[in-house]
Amino acid sequence: MATKAAIDVYRGEPWFHGIIPRKEAEERLDTAIVGTYLFREAETRPGLSLSVRVPDRIKHFMISQNPETLRWQLVGKPTEFKDVFELVTYHGKTPTSTTDGTCLKYPCPLPAGEGDGDGEENPYVDLVNDGQVNQDALDQARRMSEERRASLQQPATTASGKERKGSTTSAGGGAGPHKYEFVDLPGKRGPPTIKEHP
């Protein structure tokens, strides 16, 4: 049984939808792609519920917290986690159920007007609404990524603030800047291959 304080830790997360009924969770996930998920406060007991879009329906799991060890788990599953973040990470790679093989891939975005109200929108949560790629959100995410990458590739400087000669902060550690491209090879499993462009 999870306490209110234990649940409050997750209120700012993009996958936490607060107190919503099961039916509303199903409506929010109805047009989402497989692997989209949300957590909500359970209606009938203290604790959390996980709702996941699987190939043929919306699946719901009770999440419980052991009052003695304070570890979390999907009810009926043997694996326990120190917190819900660890549960999300684990089930991002390991299916929640062996019958459908669905992993937690995409946090379901909160409806407009809900959330923490900071005015900052996360473009990543809007990339796959309604099973379609949102091109504006994808472009915004790419811009943010390029800006971040550019900030990491600033010339290396010495303690006195002068630029170091012959050094680079680019990956590869060579004498000059390198450009890299991630390439997905057909039939290859695992992380993408890195292809260097001199």
N, C-alpha and C. Protein backbone atom coordinates (compact mmCIF):
# COMPACT_ATOMS: atom_id res chain seq x y z
N MET A 1 0.85 -1.18 0.00
CA MET A 1 0.00 0.00 0.00
C MET A 1 0.90 1.24 0.00
N ALA A 2 0.76 2.09 -0.98
CA ALA A 2 1.58 3.29 -1.10
C ALA A 2 0.94 4.46 -0.37
N THR A 3 1.77 5.26 0.27
CA THR A 3 1.27 6.44 0.97
C THR A 3 1.17 7.61 -0.01
N LYS A 4 0.47 8.64 0.38
CA LYS A 4 0.36 9.84 -0.44
C LYS A 4 1.74 10.44 -0.66
N ALA A 5 2.56 10.47 0.37
CA ALA A 5 3.91 11.03 0.25
C ALA A 5 4.74 10.24 -0.76
N ALA A 6 4.58 8.91 -0.77
CA ALA A 6 5.33 8.08 -1.71
C ALA A 6 4.90 8.36 -3.15
N ILE A 7 3.63 8.67 -3.34
CA ILE A 7 3.10 8.95 -4.68
C ILE A 7 3.45 10.37 -5.13
N ASP A 8 3.50 11.31 -4.19
CA ASP A 8 3.78 12.71 -4.52
C ASP A 8 5.10 12.90 -5.26
N VAL A 9 6.05 12.03 -5.03
CA VAL A 9 7.36 12.10 -5.69
C VAL A 9 7.22 12.08 -7.21
N TYR A 10 6.18 11.45 -7.72
CA TYR A 10 6.03 11.24 -9.16
C TYR A 10 5.11 12.24 -9.85
N ARG A 11 4.57 13.18 -9.12
CA ARG A 11 3.57 14.09 -9.69
C ARG A 11 4.07 14.94 -10.86
N GLY A 12 5.33 15.26 -10.93
CA GLY A 12 5.84 16.10 -12.02
C GLY A 12 6.29 15.32 -13.24
N GLU A 13 6.18 14.01 -13.20
CA GLU A 13 6.67 13.18 -14.30
C GLU A 13 5.70 13.22 -15.49
N PRO A 14 6.23 13.14 -16.73
CA PRO A 14 5.37 13.23 -17.90
C PRO A 14 4.39 12.08 -18.02
N TRP A 15 4.67 10.97 -17.35
CA TRP A 15 3.78 9.81 -17.42
C TRP A 15 2.78 9.75 -16.28
N PHE A 16 2.83 10.70 -15.34
CA PHE A 16 1.93 10.67 -14.20
C PHE A 16 0.71 11.54 -14.48
N HIS A 17 -0.48 10.94 -14.48
CA HIS A 17 -1.71 11.66 -14.83
C HIS A 17 -2.59 11.95 -13.63
N GLY A 18 -2.12 11.67 -12.43
CA GLY A 18 -2.89 12.02 -11.23
C GLY A 18 -4.09 11.13 -11.02
N ILE A 19 -5.13 11.72 -10.45
CA ILE A 19 -6.34 10.97 -10.13
C ILE A 19 -7.28 11.03 -11.33
N ILE A 20 -7.25 9.98 -12.14
CA ILE A 20 -8.20 9.88 -13.25
C ILE A 20 -8.78 8.47 -13.22
N PRO A 21 -10.04 8.32 -13.62
CA PRO A 21 -10.65 6.98 -13.64
C PRO A 21 -10.04 6.11 -14.75
N ARG A 22 -10.20 4.84 -14.59
CA ARG A 22 -9.72 3.85 -15.56
C ARG A 22 -10.24 4.16 -16.96
N LYS A 23 -11.52 4.52 -17.06
CA LYS A 23 -12.14 4.82 -18.36
C LYS A 23 -11.45 6.00 -19.03
N GLU A 24 -11.10 7.01 -18.26
CA GLU A 24 -10.41 8.17 -18.84
C GLU A 24 -9.01 7.80 -19.31
N ALA A 25 -8.33 6.94 -18.56
CA ALA A 25 -7.01 6.46 -18.98
C ALA A 25 -7.14 5.74 -20.33
N GLU A 26 -8.19 4.94 -20.47
CA GLU A 26 -8.42 4.22 -21.73
C GLU A 26 -8.68 5.19 -22.87
N GLU A 27 -9.41 6.26 -22.60
CA GLU A 27 -9.68 7.26 -23.64
C GLU A 27 -8.39 7.96 -24.06
N ARG A 28 -7.53 8.27 -23.09
CA ARG A 28 -6.28 8.95 -23.40
C ARG A 28 -5.33 8.07 -24.21
N LEU A 29 -5.42 6.77 -24.02
CA LEU A 29 -4.53 5.84 -24.71
C LEU A 29 -5.15 5.21 -25.95
N ASP A 30 -6.43 5.46 -26.18
CA ASP A 30 -7.18 4.78 -27.24
C ASP A 30 -6.54 4.91 -28.62
N THR A 31 -6.10 6.09 -28.99
CA THR A 31 -5.52 6.29 -30.33
C THR A 31 -4.00 6.31 -30.32
N ALA A 32 -3.39 6.02 -29.18
CA ALA A 32 -1.93 6.02 -29.07
C ALA A 32 -1.33 4.78 -29.71
N ILE A 33 -0.04 4.84 -30.01
CA ILE A 33 0.62 3.67 -30.58
C ILE A 33 1.01 2.70 -29.46
N VAL A 34 1.25 1.46 -29.83
CA VAL A 34 1.61 0.41 -28.89
C VAL A 34 2.87 0.83 -28.12
N GLY A 35 2.83 0.65 -26.81
CA GLY A 35 3.96 1.01 -25.95
C GLY A 35 3.77 2.33 -25.24
N THR A 36 2.67 3.05 -25.55
CA THR A 36 2.38 4.30 -24.85
C THR A 36 1.76 3.95 -23.50
N TYR A 37 2.16 4.67 -22.46
CA TYR A 37 1.72 4.32 -21.11
C TYR A 37 1.50 5.56 -20.26
N LEU A 38 0.78 5.35 -19.18
CA LEU A 38 0.60 6.40 -18.16
C LEU A 38 0.42 5.74 -16.81
N PHE A 39 0.78 6.46 -15.77
CA PHE A 39 0.52 6.05 -14.39
C PHE A 39 -0.55 6.96 -13.85
N ARG A 40 -1.39 6.42 -13.00
CA ARG A 40 -2.46 7.20 -12.38
C ARG A 40 -2.67 6.70 -10.96
N GLU A 41 -3.28 7.53 -10.17
CA GLU A 41 -3.61 7.09 -8.81
C GLU A 41 -4.79 6.15 -8.90
N ALA A 42 -4.69 5.04 -8.19
CA ALA A 42 -5.75 4.04 -8.22
C ALA A 42 -7.02 4.61 -7.60
N GLU A 43 -8.15 4.21 -8.16
CA GLU A 43 -9.45 4.71 -7.67
C GLU A 43 -9.93 3.94 -6.44
N THR A 44 -9.71 2.65 -6.42
CA THR A 44 -10.34 1.81 -5.41
C THR A 44 -9.45 1.45 -4.23
N ARG A 45 -8.18 1.85 -4.27
CA ARG A 45 -7.26 1.52 -3.20
C ARG A 45 -6.14 2.56 -3.19
N PRO A 46 -5.43 2.70 -2.09
CA PRO A 46 -4.28 3.61 -2.09
C PRO A 46 -3.17 3.03 -2.96
N GLY A 47 -2.61 3.79 -3.83
CA GLY A 47 -1.54 3.30 -4.68
C GLY A 47 -1.64 3.79 -6.10
N LEU A 48 -0.89 3.16 -6.97
CA LEU A 48 -0.83 3.54 -8.37
C LEU A 48 -1.35 2.44 -9.28
N SER A 49 -1.75 2.83 -10.47
CA SER A 49 -2.09 1.89 -11.53
C SER A 49 -1.31 2.31 -12.76
N LEU A 50 -0.92 1.33 -13.55
CA LEU A 50 -0.23 1.55 -14.82
C LEU A 50 -1.18 1.14 -15.93
N SER A 51 -1.36 2.02 -16.90
CA SER A 51 -2.19 1.71 -18.07
C SER A 51 -1.29 1.77 -19.29
N VAL A 52 -1.35 0.72 -20.12
CA VAL A 52 -0.45 0.58 -21.27
C VAL A 52 -1.23 0.22 -22.52
N ARG A 53 -0.89 0.87 -23.63
CA ARG A 53 -1.48 0.52 -24.92
C ARG A 53 -0.72 -0.69 -25.46
N VAL A 54 -1.43 -1.83 -25.60
CA VAL A 54 -0.87 -3.04 -26.19
C VAL A 54 -1.53 -3.22 -27.56
N PRO A 55 -1.12 -4.19 -28.36
CA PRO A 55 -1.64 -4.27 -29.73
C PRO A 55 -3.16 -4.28 -29.87
N ASP A 56 -3.87 -4.97 -28.98
CA ASP A 56 -5.31 -5.11 -29.20
C ASP A 56 -6.19 -4.40 -28.18
N ARG A 57 -5.60 -3.74 -27.19
CA ARG A 57 -6.43 -3.10 -26.15
C ARG A 57 -5.56 -2.26 -25.24
N ILE A 58 -6.17 -1.75 -24.16
CA ILE A 58 -5.45 -1.06 -23.09
C ILE A 58 -5.38 -2.03 -21.92
N LYS A 59 -4.16 -2.24 -21.40
CA LYS A 59 -3.98 -3.13 -20.25
C LYS A 59 -3.73 -2.30 -19.01
N HIS A 60 -4.24 -2.77 -17.88
CA HIS A 60 -4.07 -2.06 -16.61
C HIS A 60 -3.35 -2.98 -15.63
N PHE A 61 -2.41 -2.42 -14.89
CA PHE A 61 -1.68 -3.16 -13.86
C PHE A 61 -1.76 -2.40 -12.55
N MET A 62 -1.96 -3.12 -11.47
CA MET A 62 -1.88 -2.50 -10.15
C MET A 62 -0.40 -2.44 -9.77
N ILE A 63 -0.01 -1.33 -9.19
CA ILE A 63 1.35 -1.15 -8.71
C ILE A 63 1.26 -1.06 -7.19
N SER A 64 2.03 -1.88 -6.51
CA SER A 64 1.99 -1.84 -5.05
C SER A 64 3.37 -1.53 -4.49
N GLN A 65 3.35 -0.98 -3.28
CA GLN A 65 4.59 -0.72 -2.56
C GLN A 65 4.57 -1.55 -1.29
N ASN A 66 5.59 -2.36 -1.10
CA ASN A 66 5.69 -3.19 0.09
C ASN A 66 5.91 -2.27 1.29
N PRO A 67 5.04 -2.31 2.30
CA PRO A 67 5.16 -1.39 3.43
C PRO A 67 6.41 -1.63 4.29
N GLU A 68 6.96 -2.84 4.22
CA GLU A 68 8.16 -3.14 5.02
C GLU A 68 9.44 -2.75 4.29
N THR A 69 9.55 -3.13 3.01
CA THR A 69 10.78 -2.85 2.26
C THR A 69 10.70 -1.55 1.46
N LEU A 70 9.48 -1.01 1.28
CA LEU A 70 9.21 0.19 0.49
C LEU A 70 9.56 0.01 -0.99
N ARG A 71 9.66 -1.23 -1.44
CA ARG A 71 9.96 -1.53 -2.84
C ARG A 71 8.64 -1.66 -3.62
N TRP A 72 8.69 -1.30 -4.91
CA TRP A 72 7.52 -1.27 -5.78
C TRP A 72 7.51 -2.47 -6.71
N GLN A 73 6.31 -2.89 -7.12
CA GLN A 73 6.20 -3.97 -8.10
C GLN A 73 4.85 -3.95 -8.78
N LEU A 74 4.81 -4.55 -9.98
CA LEU A 74 3.54 -4.81 -10.63
C LEU A 74 2.93 -5.97 -9.86
N VAL A 75 1.70 -5.83 -9.40
CA VAL A 75 1.07 -6.88 -8.61
C VAL A 75 1.02 -8.17 -9.44
N GLY A 76 1.46 -9.25 -8.82
CA GLY A 76 1.49 -10.55 -9.48
C GLY A 76 2.79 -10.85 -10.20
N LYS A 77 3.70 -9.89 -10.23
CA LYS A 77 5.01 -10.09 -10.88
C LYS A 77 6.07 -10.16 -9.79
N PRO A 78 7.10 -10.98 -9.97
CA PRO A 78 8.08 -11.18 -8.90
C PRO A 78 9.11 -10.06 -8.73
N THR A 79 9.40 -9.30 -9.78
CA THR A 79 10.48 -8.31 -9.71
C THR A 79 10.05 -7.10 -8.91
N GLU A 80 10.91 -6.67 -7.97
CA GLU A 80 10.65 -5.48 -7.16
C GLU A 80 11.66 -4.40 -7.52
N PHE A 81 11.27 -3.15 -7.31
CA PHE A 81 12.08 -2.01 -7.70
C PHE A 81 12.17 -1.02 -6.55
N LYS A 82 13.31 -0.32 -6.46
CA LYS A 82 13.48 0.65 -5.37
C LYS A 82 12.53 1.84 -5.52
N ASP A 83 12.13 2.15 -6.77
CA ASP A 83 11.18 3.24 -7.00
C ASP A 83 10.50 3.02 -8.36
N VAL A 84 9.56 3.88 -8.67
CA VAL A 84 8.81 3.73 -9.92
C VAL A 84 9.69 4.08 -11.12
N PHE A 85 10.67 4.96 -10.93
CA PHE A 85 11.59 5.27 -12.03
C PHE A 85 12.31 4.00 -12.49
N GLU A 86 12.77 3.21 -11.54
CA GLU A 86 13.46 1.96 -11.86
C GLU A 86 12.50 0.98 -12.56
N LEU A 87 11.25 0.96 -12.13
CA LEU A 87 10.23 0.11 -12.75
C LEU A 87 10.03 0.51 -14.22
N VAL A 88 9.95 1.82 -14.48
CA VAL A 88 9.77 2.32 -15.85
C VAL A 88 10.98 1.95 -16.71
N THR A 89 12.18 2.14 -16.18
CA THR A 89 13.40 1.81 -16.93
C THR A 89 13.44 0.32 -17.26
N TYR A 90 13.16 -0.52 -16.28
CA TYR A 90 13.18 -1.97 -16.46
C TYR A 90 12.17 -2.40 -17.53
N HIS A 91 10.94 -1.91 -17.39
CA HIS A 91 9.89 -2.31 -18.34
C HIS A 91 9.97 -1.54 -19.67
N GLY A 92 10.93 -0.64 -19.79
CA GLY A 92 11.23 -0.04 -21.09
C GLY A 92 11.96 -1.03 -21.98
N LYS A 93 12.58 -2.04 -21.36
CA LYS A 93 13.33 -3.06 -22.11
C LYS A 93 12.73 -4.45 -21.95
N THR A 94 12.03 -4.66 -20.86
CA THR A 94 11.45 -5.97 -20.55
C THR A 94 9.93 -5.84 -20.61
N PRO A 95 9.26 -6.66 -21.41
CA PRO A 95 7.79 -6.54 -21.53
C PRO A 95 7.07 -6.65 -20.19
N THR A 96 5.99 -5.91 -20.08
CA THR A 96 5.15 -5.98 -18.88
C THR A 96 4.41 -7.30 -18.81
N SER A 97 4.23 -7.94 -19.96
CA SER A 97 3.53 -9.21 -20.04
C SER A 97 4.13 -10.05 -21.17
N THR A 98 4.26 -11.32 -20.94
CA THR A 98 4.81 -12.19 -21.98
C THR A 98 3.80 -12.48 -23.09
N THR A 99 2.52 -12.25 -22.83
CA THR A 99 1.50 -12.57 -23.84
C THR A 99 1.51 -11.60 -25.01
N ASP A 100 1.87 -10.33 -24.79
CA ASP A 100 1.85 -9.37 -25.90
C ASP A 100 3.21 -8.76 -26.19
N GLY A 101 4.19 -8.93 -25.30
CA GLY A 101 5.54 -8.44 -25.53
C GLY A 101 5.71 -6.94 -25.53
N THR A 102 4.77 -6.19 -24.95
CA THR A 102 4.82 -4.74 -24.99
C THR A 102 5.68 -4.17 -23.87
N CYS A 103 6.59 -3.27 -24.26
CA CYS A 103 7.43 -2.55 -23.29
C CYS A 103 6.91 -1.13 -23.15
N LEU A 104 7.31 -0.45 -22.07
CA LEU A 104 6.93 0.94 -21.85
C LEU A 104 7.86 1.82 -22.69
N LYS A 105 7.34 2.38 -23.77
CA LYS A 105 8.17 3.15 -24.70
C LYS A 105 7.87 4.64 -24.72
N TYR A 106 6.60 5.03 -24.66
CA TYR A 106 6.23 6.42 -24.85
C TYR A 106 5.32 6.89 -23.72
N PRO A 107 5.74 7.88 -22.94
CA PRO A 107 4.83 8.41 -21.94
C PRO A 107 3.67 9.14 -22.63
N CYS A 108 2.48 8.85 -22.20
CA CYS A 108 1.30 9.49 -22.78
C CYS A 108 1.26 10.95 -22.33
N PRO A 109 1.21 11.90 -23.26
CA PRO A 109 1.20 13.30 -22.84
C PRO A 109 -0.09 13.67 -22.11
N LEU A 110 0.06 14.58 -21.18
CA LEU A 110 -1.12 15.09 -20.48
C LEU A 110 -1.94 15.94 -21.44
N PRO A 111 -3.25 15.96 -21.29
CA PRO A 111 -4.07 16.84 -22.13
C PRO A 111 -3.67 18.31 -21.90
N ALA A 112 -3.89 19.13 -22.90
CA ALA A 112 -3.57 20.56 -22.81
C ALA A 112 -4.22 21.14 -21.56
N GLY A 113 -3.47 21.96 -20.86
CA GLY A 113 -3.99 22.61 -19.65
C GLY A 113 -3.73 21.84 -18.38
N GLU A 114 -3.29 20.58 -18.48
CA GLU A 114 -2.94 19.80 -17.29
C GLU A 114 -1.44 19.78 -17.15
N GLY A 115 -0.95 19.49 -15.95
CA GLY A 115 0.48 19.37 -15.75
C GLY A 115 0.96 20.33 -14.70
N ASP A 116 2.30 20.57 -14.72
CA ASP A 116 2.88 21.37 -13.66
C ASP A 116 2.78 22.86 -13.91
N GLY A 117 2.33 23.28 -15.10
CA GLY A 117 2.06 24.69 -15.34
C GLY A 117 3.30 25.55 -15.49
N ASP A 118 4.47 24.97 -15.79
CA ASP A 118 5.66 25.79 -15.93
C ASP A 118 5.76 26.45 -17.31
N GLY A 119 4.83 26.11 -18.20
CA GLY A 119 4.81 26.72 -19.52
C GLY A 119 5.82 26.11 -20.48
N GLU A 120 6.71 25.30 -20.00
CA GLU A 120 7.72 24.64 -20.83
C GLU A 120 7.12 23.36 -21.38
N GLU A 121 7.13 23.21 -22.68
CA GLU A 121 6.55 22.03 -23.29
C GLU A 121 7.66 21.08 -23.72
N ASN A 122 7.52 19.81 -23.43
CA ASN A 122 8.50 18.82 -23.83
C ASN A 122 8.08 18.26 -25.18
N PRO A 123 8.83 18.56 -26.25
CA PRO A 123 8.40 18.13 -27.58
C PRO A 123 8.45 16.62 -27.77
N TYR A 124 9.25 15.91 -26.97
CA TYR A 124 9.39 14.48 -27.17
C TYR A 124 8.09 13.73 -26.87
N VAL A 125 7.31 14.18 -25.91
CA VAL A 125 6.09 13.45 -25.56
C VAL A 125 5.01 13.60 -26.61
N ASP A 126 5.18 14.52 -27.53
CA ASP A 126 4.16 14.77 -28.53
C ASP A 126 4.55 14.22 -29.91
N LEU A 127 5.61 13.43 -29.97
CA LEU A 127 6.08 12.95 -31.27
C LEU A 127 5.19 11.91 -31.89
N VAL A 128 4.46 11.14 -31.10
CA VAL A 128 3.75 10.00 -31.64
C VAL A 128 2.26 9.99 -31.30
N ASN A 129 1.66 11.13 -31.09
CA ASN A 129 0.22 11.17 -30.80
C ASN A 129 -0.58 10.61 -31.96
N ASP A 130 -1.60 9.91 -31.63
CA ASP A 130 -2.53 9.35 -32.61
C ASP A 130 -1.84 8.47 -33.65
N GLY A 131 -0.70 7.90 -33.30
CA GLY A 131 0.00 7.01 -34.21
C GLY A 131 0.69 7.73 -35.36
N GLN A 132 0.64 9.04 -35.38
CA GLN A 132 1.27 9.82 -36.44
C GLN A 132 2.42 10.64 -35.85
N VAL A 133 3.47 10.80 -36.62
CA VAL A 133 4.58 11.62 -36.17
C VAL A 133 4.16 13.08 -36.28
N ASN A 134 4.33 13.82 -35.21
CA ASN A 134 4.04 15.25 -35.20
C ASN A 134 5.29 15.96 -35.71
N GLN A 135 5.26 16.43 -36.95
CA GLN A 135 6.45 16.99 -37.59
C GLN A 135 6.96 18.23 -36.85
N ASP A 136 6.07 19.09 -36.36
CA ASP A 136 6.52 20.29 -35.64
C ASP A 136 7.27 19.89 -34.36
N ALA A 137 6.73 18.91 -33.63
CA ALA A 137 7.40 18.47 -32.40
C ALA A 137 8.73 17.80 -32.73
N LEU A 138 8.77 17.04 -33.80
CA LEU A 138 10.02 16.39 -34.21
C LEU A 138 11.06 17.44 -34.59
N ASP A 139 10.65 18.46 -35.34
CA ASP A 139 11.58 19.54 -35.72
C ASP A 139 12.09 20.28 -34.49
N GLN A 140 11.20 20.54 -33.53
CA GLN A 140 11.60 21.23 -32.31
C GLN A 140 12.59 20.37 -31.51
N ALA A 141 12.33 19.08 -31.44
CA ALA A 141 13.24 18.17 -30.73
C ALA A 141 14.60 18.14 -31.41
N ARG A 142 14.61 18.13 -32.74
CA ARG A 142 15.89 18.14 -33.46
C ARG A 142 16.65 19.43 -33.21
N ARG A 143 15.94 20.57 -33.22
CA ARG A 143 16.60 21.85 -32.95
C ARG A 143 17.23 21.84 -31.56
N MET A 144 16.46 21.35 -30.57
CA MET A 144 16.98 21.30 -29.21
C MET A 144 18.22 20.40 -29.14
N SER A 145 18.20 19.29 -29.85
CA SER A 145 19.33 18.37 -29.87
C SER A 145 20.54 19.02 -30.53
N GLU A 146 20.32 19.71 -31.65
CA GLU A 146 21.42 20.38 -32.35
C GLU A 146 22.02 21.48 -31.48
N GLU A 147 21.17 22.25 -30.79
CA GLU A 147 21.67 23.30 -29.91
C GLU A 147 22.51 22.70 -28.78
N ARG A 148 22.03 21.61 -28.21
CA ARG A 148 22.78 20.95 -27.14
C ARG A 148 24.11 20.42 -27.66
N ARG A 149 24.09 19.80 -28.83
CA ARG A 149 25.32 19.26 -29.41
C ARG A 149 26.30 20.39 -29.69
N ALA A 150 25.82 21.51 -30.23
CA ALA A 150 26.69 22.65 -30.52
C ALA A 150 27.32 23.20 -29.25
N SER A 151 26.55 23.22 -28.17
CA SER A 151 27.09 23.74 -26.91
C SER A 151 28.18 22.83 -26.36
N LEU A 152 28.13 21.55 -26.69
CA LEU A 152 29.14 20.60 -26.23
C LEU A 152 30.40 20.62 -27.09
N GLN A 153 30.30 21.19 -28.30
CA GLN A 153 31.43 21.19 -29.22
C GLN A 153 32.15 22.53 -29.26
N GLN A 154 32.03 23.33 -28.21
CA GLN A 154 32.75 24.59 -28.13
C GLN A 154 34.24 24.29 -28.02
N PRO A 155 35.12 25.16 -28.53
CA PRO A 155 36.56 24.92 -28.44
C PRO A 155 37.00 24.76 -26.99
N ALA A 156 37.93 23.83 -26.77
CA ALA A 156 38.47 23.61 -25.43
C ALA A 156 39.35 24.80 -25.06
N THR A 157 39.30 25.20 -23.80
CA THR A 157 40.10 26.33 -23.36
C THR A 157 40.95 25.94 -22.17
N THR A 158 42.01 26.72 -21.97
CA THR A 158 42.88 26.51 -20.82
C THR A 158 42.28 27.24 -19.63
N ALA A 159 42.89 27.09 -18.48
CA ALA A 159 42.39 27.76 -17.27
C ALA A 159 42.40 29.27 -17.43
N SER A 160 43.33 29.80 -18.28
CA SER A 160 43.40 31.25 -18.47
C SER A 160 42.37 31.74 -19.48
N GLY A 161 41.61 30.82 -20.07
CA GLY A 161 40.56 31.22 -21.01
C GLY A 161 41.00 31.21 -22.46
N LYS A 162 42.28 30.86 -22.75
CA LYS A 162 42.77 30.82 -24.13
C LYS A 162 42.42 29.48 -24.76
N GLU A 163 42.15 29.52 -26.06
CA GLU A 163 41.81 28.29 -26.77
C GLU A 163 43.05 27.42 -26.90
N ARG A 164 42.90 26.12 -26.63
CA ARG A 164 44.00 25.17 -26.80
C ARG A 164 44.18 24.87 -28.27
N LYS A 165 45.42 24.80 -28.71
CA LYS A 165 45.73 24.46 -30.10
C LYS A 165 45.70 22.95 -30.29
N GLY A 166 45.18 22.52 -31.42
CA GLY A 166 45.23 21.12 -31.78
C GLY A 166 44.34 20.22 -30.95
N SER A 167 43.38 20.74 -30.23
CA SER A 167 42.49 19.89 -29.44
C SER A 167 41.06 20.12 -29.90
N THR A 168 40.26 19.18 -29.57
CA THR A 168 38.85 19.30 -29.94
C THR A 168 38.02 18.62 -28.87
N THR A 169 36.82 19.09 -28.71
CA THR A 169 35.92 18.43 -27.77
C THR A 169 34.99 17.48 -28.50
N SER A 170 35.19 17.35 -29.81
CA SER A 170 34.37 16.42 -30.57
C SER A 170 34.71 15.00 -30.18
N ALA A 171 33.77 14.10 -30.38
CA ALA A 171 34.02 12.69 -30.11
C ALA A 171 35.15 12.21 -31.00
N GLY A 172 35.93 11.28 -30.54
CA GLY A 172 37.02 10.74 -31.32
C GLY A 172 38.36 11.23 -30.84
N GLY A 173 38.43 12.41 -30.24
CA GLY A 173 39.66 12.90 -29.65
C GLY A 173 40.76 13.17 -30.64
N GLY A 174 40.51 13.28 -31.93
CA GLY A 174 41.53 13.53 -32.92
C GLY A 174 41.98 14.97 -32.92
N ALA A 175 42.81 15.32 -33.91
CA ALA A 175 43.37 16.65 -33.96
C ALA A 175 42.39 17.67 -34.53
N GLY A 176 41.35 17.27 -35.16
CA GLY A 176 40.42 18.22 -35.75
C GLY A 176 39.00 17.78 -35.52
N PRO A 177 38.05 18.63 -35.91
CA PRO A 177 36.65 18.24 -35.68
C PRO A 177 36.23 17.09 -36.59
N HIS A 178 35.43 16.22 -36.07
CA HIS A 178 34.90 15.09 -36.81
C HIS A 178 33.38 15.17 -36.77
N LYS A 179 32.75 14.65 -37.79
CA LYS A 179 31.30 14.56 -37.77
C LYS A 179 30.95 13.09 -37.77
N TYR A 180 29.95 12.74 -36.98
CA TYR A 180 29.53 11.36 -36.86
C TYR A 180 28.06 11.25 -37.21
N GLU A 181 27.69 10.12 -37.74
CA GLU A 181 26.31 9.86 -38.10
C GLU A 181 25.94 8.49 -37.55
N PHE A 182 24.79 8.40 -36.92
CA PHE A 182 24.30 7.11 -36.44
C PHE A 182 23.58 6.44 -37.59
N VAL A 183 23.95 5.21 -37.86
CA VAL A 183 23.40 4.48 -39.00
C VAL A 183 22.75 3.20 -38.49
N ASP A 184 21.47 3.03 -38.77
CA ASP A 184 20.78 1.79 -38.44
C ASP A 184 20.97 0.83 -39.60
N LEU A 185 21.59 -0.31 -39.31
CA LEU A 185 21.82 -1.30 -40.36
C LEU A 185 20.67 -2.30 -40.37
N PRO A 186 20.16 -2.64 -41.55
CA PRO A 186 19.04 -3.60 -41.63
C PRO A 186 19.43 -4.92 -41.00
N GLY A 187 18.56 -5.46 -40.19
CA GLY A 187 18.77 -6.76 -39.57
C GLY A 187 19.70 -6.75 -38.37
N LYS A 188 20.29 -5.61 -38.05
CA LYS A 188 21.21 -5.53 -36.91
C LYS A 188 20.43 -5.17 -35.67
N ARG A 189 20.67 -5.89 -34.58
CA ARG A 189 20.02 -5.60 -33.32
C ARG A 189 20.99 -4.80 -32.46
N GLY A 190 20.47 -4.06 -31.53
CA GLY A 190 21.31 -3.31 -30.62
C GLY A 190 21.44 -1.86 -31.05
N PRO A 191 22.43 -1.15 -30.45
CA PRO A 191 22.56 0.28 -30.75
C PRO A 191 22.99 0.51 -32.19
N PRO A 192 22.69 1.70 -32.74
CA PRO A 192 23.07 1.99 -34.11
C PRO A 192 24.58 2.06 -34.26
N THR A 193 25.06 1.84 -35.48
CA THR A 193 26.48 1.93 -35.80
C THR A 193 26.83 3.40 -35.98
N ILE A 194 28.06 3.77 -35.59
CA ILE A 194 28.51 5.16 -35.77
C ILE A 194 29.40 5.21 -37.00
N LYS A 195 29.10 6.12 -37.91
CA LYS A 195 29.85 6.27 -39.15
C LYS A 195 30.52 7.65 -39.09
N GLU A 196 31.85 7.67 -39.27
CA GLU A 196 32.62 8.92 -39.18
C GLU A 196 32.69 9.58 -40.53
N HIS A 197 32.51 10.94 -40.53
CA HIS A 197 32.68 11.76 -41.71
C HIS A 197 33.82 12.72 -41.42
N PRO A 198 34.99 12.60 -42.08
CA PRO A 198 36.12 13.49 -41.79
C PRO A 198 35.83 14.92 -42.17
